[in-house]
């Protein structure tokens, strides 16, 4: 993609997010307190995972994720996926699916 195509795709995504928000739909990355918006671009894996979790109920998660996968060099959380989750893995085994672990009582 050219830089212009990237710009158009990003503008289209954020316009969609703003339309959802204007229609009363929750958009976590825009609705959160401005002091916490850094979660979506944080280098801290825990903060990025928190942002990814907050994306799950968003009506735009699919579209946002598609944008993120189409632009793997774009840093940050898109559609509930962190930067590392969206980047292609060359020559390595696929990542294991996320699963919850249960702690057993001693």
C-alpha atoms as a PDB file:
ATOM      1  CA  UNK A   1       0.000   0.000   0.000  1.00  0.00           C
ATOM      2  CA  UNK A   2       1.104   3.522  -0.662  1.00  0.00           C
ATOM      3  CA  UNK A   3       1.305   6.142   2.061  1.00  0.00           C
ATOM      4  CA  UNK A   4      -1.815   7.768   0.607  1.00  0.00           C
ATOM      5  CA  UNK A   5      -3.747   4.485   0.722  1.00  0.00           C
ATOM      6  CA  UNK A   6      -2.640   4.007   4.342  1.00  0.00           C
ATOM      7  CA  UNK A   7      -3.833   7.507   5.214  1.00  0.00           C
ATOM      8  CA  UNK A   8      -7.193   6.938   3.527  1.00  0.00           C
ATOM      9  CA  UNK A   9      -7.696   3.591   5.305  1.00  0.00           C
ATOM     10  CA  UNK A  10      -6.850   5.112   8.696  1.00  0.00           C
ATOM     11  CA  UNK A  11      -9.150   8.093   8.078  1.00  0.00           C
ATOM     12  CA  UNK A  12     -11.954   5.725   7.037  1.00  0.00           C
ATOM     13  CA  UNK A  13     -11.535   3.661  10.230  1.00  0.00           C
ATOM     14  CA  UNK A  14     -11.540   6.663  12.540  1.00  0.00           C
ATOM     15  CA  UNK A  15     -14.524   8.194  10.737  1.00  0.00           C
ATOM     16  CA  UNK A  16     -16.399   4.936  11.332  1.00  0.00           C
ATOM     17  CA  UNK A  17     -15.447   4.981  15.025  1.00  0.00           C
ATOM     18  CA  UNK A  18     -16.632   8.568  15.349  1.00  0.00           C
ATOM     19  CA  UNK A  19     -19.957   7.744  13.630  1.00  0.00           C
ATOM     20  CA  UNK A  20     -20.546   4.859  16.035  1.00  0.00           C
ATOM     21  CA  UNK A  21     -19.784   7.131  18.960  1.00  0.00           C
ATOM     22  CA  UNK A  22     -22.062   9.875  17.614  1.00  0.00           C
ATOM     23  CA  UNK A  23     -24.869   7.288  17.434  1.00  0.00           C
ATOM     24  CA  UNK A  24     -24.425   6.360  21.082  1.00  0.00           C
ATOM     25  CA  UNK A  25     -22.424   3.174  20.529  1.00  0.00           C
ATOM     26  CA  UNK A  26     -19.547   2.613  22.986  1.00  0.00           C
ATOM     27  CA  UNK A  27     -16.084   2.939  21.463  1.00  0.00           C
ATOM     28  CA  UNK A  28     -13.656   2.083  24.286  1.00  0.00           C
ATOM     29  CA  UNK A  29     -10.530   3.616  22.740  1.00  0.00           C
ATOM     30  CA  UNK A  30     -12.331   6.947  22.327  1.00  0.00           C
ATOM     31  CA  UNK A  31     -14.632   6.821  25.350  1.00  0.00           C
ATOM     32  CA  UNK A  32     -11.926   6.130  27.931  1.00  0.00           C
ATOM     33  CA  UNK A  33     -10.481   8.964  30.007  1.00  0.00           C
ATOM     34  CA  UNK A  34      -7.906  10.813  27.853  1.00  0.00           C
ATOM     35  CA  UNK A  35      -5.228  10.081  30.469  1.00  0.00           C
ATOM     36  CA  UNK A  36      -5.715   6.352  29.806  1.00  0.00           C
ATOM     37  CA  UNK A  37      -5.745   6.399  25.999  1.00  0.00           C
ATOM     38  CA  UNK A  38      -2.066   5.533  26.045  1.00  0.00           C
ATOM     39  CA  UNK A  39      -3.111   1.942  26.807  1.00  0.00           C
ATOM     40  CA  UNK A  40      -3.749   1.393  23.079  1.00  0.00           C
ATOM     41  CA  UNK A  41      -0.166   2.363  22.208  1.00  0.00           C
ATOM     42  CA  UNK A  42       1.665   1.256  25.331  1.00  0.00           C
ATOM     43  CA  UNK A  43       4.959  -0.652  25.209  1.00  0.00           C
ATOM     44  CA  UNK A  44       3.902  -2.406  28.419  1.00  0.00           C
ATOM     45  CA  UNK A  45       2.444  -5.836  27.540  1.00  0.00           C
ATOM     46  CA  UNK A  46       0.031  -5.722  30.489  1.00  0.00           C
ATOM     47  CA  UNK A  47      -1.369  -2.358  29.445  1.00  0.00           C
ATOM     48  CA  UNK A  48      -1.671  -3.480  25.810  1.00  0.00           C
ATOM     49  CA  UNK A  49      -3.518  -6.634  26.930  1.00  0.00           C
ATOM     50  CA  UNK A  50      -5.889  -4.493  29.015  1.00  0.00           C
ATOM     51  CA  UNK A  51      -6.631  -2.328  25.970  1.00  0.00           C
ATOM     52  CA  UNK A  52      -7.167  -5.451  23.845  1.00  0.00           C
ATOM     53  CA  UNK A  53      -9.635  -6.767  26.425  1.00  0.00           C
ATOM     54  CA  UNK A  54     -11.502  -3.449  26.450  1.00  0.00           C
ATOM     55  CA  UNK A  55     -11.899  -3.732  22.649  1.00  0.00           C
ATOM     56  CA  UNK A  56     -13.850  -6.992  22.803  1.00  0.00           C
ATOM     57  CA  UNK A  57     -17.378  -5.534  23.186  1.00  0.00           C
ATOM     58  CA  UNK A  58     -16.764  -2.738  20.659  1.00  0.00           C
ATOM     59  CA  UNK A  59     -19.037  -2.865  17.624  1.00  0.00           C
ATOM     60  CA  UNK A  60     -16.072  -1.849  15.434  1.00  0.00           C
ATOM     61  CA  UNK A  61     -13.739  -4.622  16.661  1.00  0.00           C
ATOM     62  CA  UNK A  62     -13.980  -6.574  13.389  1.00  0.00           C
ATOM     63  CA  UNK A  63     -13.314  -3.563  11.155  1.00  0.00           C
ATOM     64  CA  UNK A  64     -10.597  -2.298  13.448  1.00  0.00           C
ATOM     65  CA  UNK A  65      -8.953  -5.732  13.505  1.00  0.00           C
ATOM     66  CA  UNK A  66      -9.067  -5.919   9.714  1.00  0.00           C
ATOM     67  CA  UNK A  67      -7.332  -2.545   9.554  1.00  0.00           C
ATOM     68  CA  UNK A  68      -4.723  -3.716  12.066  1.00  0.00           C
ATOM     69  CA  UNK A  69      -3.989  -6.924  10.146  1.00  0.00           C
ATOM     70  CA  UNK A  70      -3.745  -4.986   6.868  1.00  0.00           C
ATOM     71  CA  UNK A  71      -1.288  -2.584   8.535  1.00  0.00           C
ATOM     72  CA  UNK A  72       0.906  -4.822  10.730  1.00  0.00           C
ATOM     73  CA  UNK A  73       3.587  -2.166  11.082  1.00  0.00           C
ATOM     74  CA  UNK A  74       1.086   0.219  12.638  1.00  0.00           C
ATOM     75  CA  UNK A  75       1.905   0.203  16.350  1.00  0.00           C
ATOM     76  CA  UNK A  76      -0.817  -0.348  18.921  1.00  0.00           C
ATOM     77  CA  UNK A  77      -3.923  -2.338  19.689  1.00  0.00           C
ATOM     78  CA  UNK A  78      -6.449  -2.735  16.895  1.00  0.00           C
ATOM     79  CA  UNK A  79      -9.577  -4.861  17.131  1.00  0.00           C
ATOM     80  CA  UNK A  80      -8.515  -6.517  20.348  1.00  0.00           C
ATOM     81  CA  UNK A  81      -5.098  -7.528  19.026  1.00  0.00           C
ATOM     82  CA  UNK A  82      -1.778  -6.192  20.237  1.00  0.00           C
ATOM     83  CA  UNK A  83       1.000  -5.203  17.839  1.00  0.00           C
ATOM     84  CA  UNK A  84       2.761  -8.541  18.401  1.00  0.00           C
ATOM     85  CA  UNK A  85      -0.422 -10.506  17.713  1.00  0.00           C
ATOM     86  CA  UNK A  86      -1.018  -8.698  14.427  1.00  0.00           C
ATOM     87  CA  UNK A  87       2.504  -8.969  13.027  1.00  0.00           C
ATOM     88  CA  UNK A  88       3.236 -11.845  10.667  1.00  0.00           C
ATOM     89  CA  UNK A  89       5.356 -14.585  12.191  1.00  0.00           C
ATOM     90  CA  UNK A  90       7.955 -15.637   9.659  1.00  0.00           C
ATOM     91  CA  UNK A  91       9.567 -19.040   9.983  1.00  0.00           C
ATOM     92  CA  UNK A  92       8.082 -19.754  13.402  1.00  0.00           C
ATOM     93  CA  UNK A  93       5.282 -21.909  14.670  1.00  0.00           C
ATOM     94  CA  UNK A  94       1.858 -20.272  14.987  1.00  0.00           C
ATOM     95  CA  UNK A  95       0.982 -18.797  18.358  1.00  0.00           C
ATOM     96  CA  UNK A  96      -1.119 -20.858  20.680  1.00  0.00           C
ATOM     97  CA  UNK A  97      -4.654 -19.651  21.199  1.00  0.00           C
ATOM     98  CA  UNK A  98      -5.222 -17.668  24.371  1.00  0.00           C
ATOM     99  CA  UNK A  99      -6.745 -19.827  27.076  1.00  0.00           C
ATOM    100  CA  UNK A 100      -7.656 -19.218  30.655  1.00  0.00           C
ATOM    101  CA  UNK A 101      -5.706 -21.138  33.227  1.00  0.00           C
ATOM    102  CA  UNK A 102      -7.225 -22.367  36.414  1.00  0.00           C
ATOM    103  CA  UNK A 103      -5.185 -22.377  39.567  1.00  0.00           C
ATOM    104  CA  UNK A 104      -5.656 -25.408  41.711  1.00  0.00           C
ATOM    105  CA  UNK A 105      -5.980 -25.127  45.445  1.00  0.00           C
ATOM    106  CA  UNK A 106      -3.193 -26.710  47.487  1.00  0.00           C
END
